[in-house]
Amino acid sequence: MFRKAHIPLIGEWVALPLLHLAGSKEIGDNIWDEIQYPAAHRLFEKCDAVLRLEGAWKGADEDVRIAKERGLQIYYSLDQVPNFLTPTYDK
C-alpha cells in the first residue's frame, strides 16, 4: 500500500491504545463496545477507500457495508488499488 502512495490504517491501531487508556479489561466489555468498532468507523470519514482482504471476518464485512453506505471505493485485492506514486528517475 505504501509503495503505491497510500497510508494504510487499521481501526485496531487506533482503538487498542484507546481501549487500554479507557480501562477495557476484555473483549466485549462496555468500554470495548463503546470504542472498538466506532473508532474504525469514524476513520471512514477520512478514508478514500477500503481494502477488504480475503477471509471470513464478520467485523470486516460490517466495515465494508458501512463504507459502501458512505460511498467509499472497496477493493478486494492489492492489485486493484491504484498506484499514485510519482516515478522518480535516476540522474
Protein backbone atom coordinates (compact mmCIF):
# COMPACT_ATOMS: atom_id res chain seq x y z
CA MET A 1 0.00 0.00 0.00
CA PHE A 2 2.70 2.45 0.99
CA ARG A 3 4.63 1.78 -2.21
CA LYS A 4 1.51 2.86 -4.12
CA ALA A 5 1.49 6.18 -2.20
CA HIS A 6 -1.26 5.22 0.25
CA ILE A 7 -1.13 5.27 4.04
CA PRO A 8 -2.75 2.06 5.29
CA LEU A 9 -4.63 2.30 8.55
CA ILE A 10 -6.44 -0.39 10.50
CA GLY A 11 -9.09 0.57 13.04
CA GLU A 12 -7.45 -1.55 15.73
CA TRP A 13 -4.32 0.59 15.51
CA VAL A 14 -6.42 3.47 16.76
CA ALA A 15 -8.80 1.58 19.02
CA LEU A 16 -6.37 -0.59 21.01
CA PRO A 17 -4.46 2.25 22.70
CA LEU A 18 -7.76 3.99 23.47
CA LEU A 19 -9.19 0.79 24.95
CA HIS A 20 -6.15 0.44 27.18
CA LEU A 21 -6.31 4.04 28.35
CA ALA A 22 -10.06 3.83 28.97
CA GLY A 23 -9.65 0.73 31.14
CA SER A 24 -11.16 -2.01 29.00
CA LYS A 25 -10.48 -5.40 30.59
CA GLU A 26 -11.80 -7.82 27.96
CA ILE A 27 -13.32 -8.08 24.53
CA GLY A 28 -17.00 -7.26 24.73
CA ASP A 29 -16.97 -5.24 27.94
CA ASN A 30 -18.81 -1.90 27.93
CA ILE A 31 -15.68 0.11 27.15
CA TRP A 32 -14.76 -2.22 24.30
CA ASP A 33 -18.24 -1.87 22.80
CA GLU A 34 -18.04 1.91 23.12
CA ILE A 35 -14.66 2.24 21.37
CA GLN A 36 -13.63 -0.73 19.23
CA TYR A 37 -15.83 -0.56 16.15
CA PRO A 38 -16.89 3.08 16.45
CA ALA A 39 -13.21 4.09 16.24
CA ALA A 40 -12.79 2.17 13.00
CA HIS A 41 -16.00 3.53 11.55
CA ARG A 42 -15.02 7.13 12.34
CA LEU A 43 -11.85 6.60 10.33
CA PHE A 44 -14.02 6.14 7.24
CA GLU A 45 -14.73 9.88 7.37
CA LYS A 46 -11.06 10.43 6.45
CA CYS A 47 -10.54 7.46 4.12
CA ASP A 48 -10.79 7.34 0.36
CA ALA A 49 -11.27 3.59 0.07
CA VAL A 50 -11.27 0.26 1.89
CA LEU A 51 -9.18 -2.79 1.10
CA ARG A 52 -11.12 -5.91 2.11
CA LEU A 53 -8.74 -8.83 2.20
CA GLU A 54 -9.87 -12.40 1.69
CA GLY A 55 -11.14 -14.45 4.62
CA ALA A 56 -14.11 -14.82 6.90
CA TRP A 57 -14.36 -11.89 9.28
CA LYS A 58 -17.67 -10.53 10.49
CA GLY A 59 -16.18 -7.20 11.56
CA ALA A 60 -14.59 -6.62 8.15
CA ASP A 61 -17.87 -7.44 6.43
CA GLU A 62 -19.57 -4.81 8.59
CA ASP A 63 -16.81 -2.32 7.72
CA VAL A 64 -17.46 -2.92 4.03
CA ARG A 65 -21.20 -2.42 4.50
CA ILE A 66 -20.65 0.92 6.25
CA ALA A 67 -18.00 2.02 3.76
CA LYS A 68 -20.40 1.30 0.87
CA GLU A 69 -23.13 3.33 2.60
CA ARG A 70 -20.67 6.24 2.75
CA GLY A 71 -19.82 5.86 -0.93
CA LEU A 72 -16.25 4.68 -0.46
CA GLN A 73 -14.48 2.59 -3.06
CA ILE A 74 -14.00 -1.04 -1.99
CA TYR A 75 -11.01 -3.01 -3.27
CA TYR A 76 -10.73 -6.76 -2.83
CA SER A 77 -7.06 -7.23 -3.72
CA LEU A 78 -3.92 -5.14 -3.59
CA ASP A 79 -3.71 -5.37 -7.38
CA GLN A 80 -6.94 -3.34 -7.64
CA VAL A 81 -5.55 -0.45 -5.58
CA PRO A 82 -4.38 2.39 -7.84
CA ASN A 83 -0.75 3.42 -7.79
CA PHE A 84 -0.46 7.15 -7.11
CA LEU A 85 3.29 7.15 -6.66
CA THR A 86 5.09 9.53 -8.99
CA PRO A 87 8.00 7.70 -10.58
CA THR A 88 11.46 9.01 -9.75
CA TYR A 89 14.25 8.80 -12.22
CA ASP A 90 17.92 8.14 -11.69
CA LYS A 91 20.13 11.09 -12.50
